[in-house]
Amino acid sequence: EILKLLGTPSEAELRSMNSSLTADELPKLKPFPWDRIFPTSTEPLAVHLAQQLLCYDPARRLDAAATLAHPFFADGKVLPLSDGGSGSPTTPVGARGASSPKGVAAAAEW
């Protein structure tokens, strides 16, 4: 599915991922327009953050620290946590008394 969003990676992007594939071995897909992925009311900084997180080259992809330092979070904005579908708030995974979503190991189990 990531190919449908980002399009076919270039040879340089494939090398950066240590892929044994070449671009010729992958379907030729154009990137899907970002403005069609998110609702029109989505903050531009949120779209920019998503673009920085969803890229093929690991050297260009934001790590956790850079993600939290992104301007999207500058005003103290936090993303709501949910129980995985019902929309009910839940305790962050790894917090005291928290339970992990099915199939996800808690941080202490890593």
Foldseek 3Di string as FASTA:
>chain_A
DLCAAQNQDAQVLCVLVVHPDHSVVDDGHHHDDLPVVDDPPDDPQVSVLVVLQSDSRPVSRDDPVVSCVRPVCVVVDDDFDDLPPPRHGADDAQPVPGDDRPPDDGPVVD
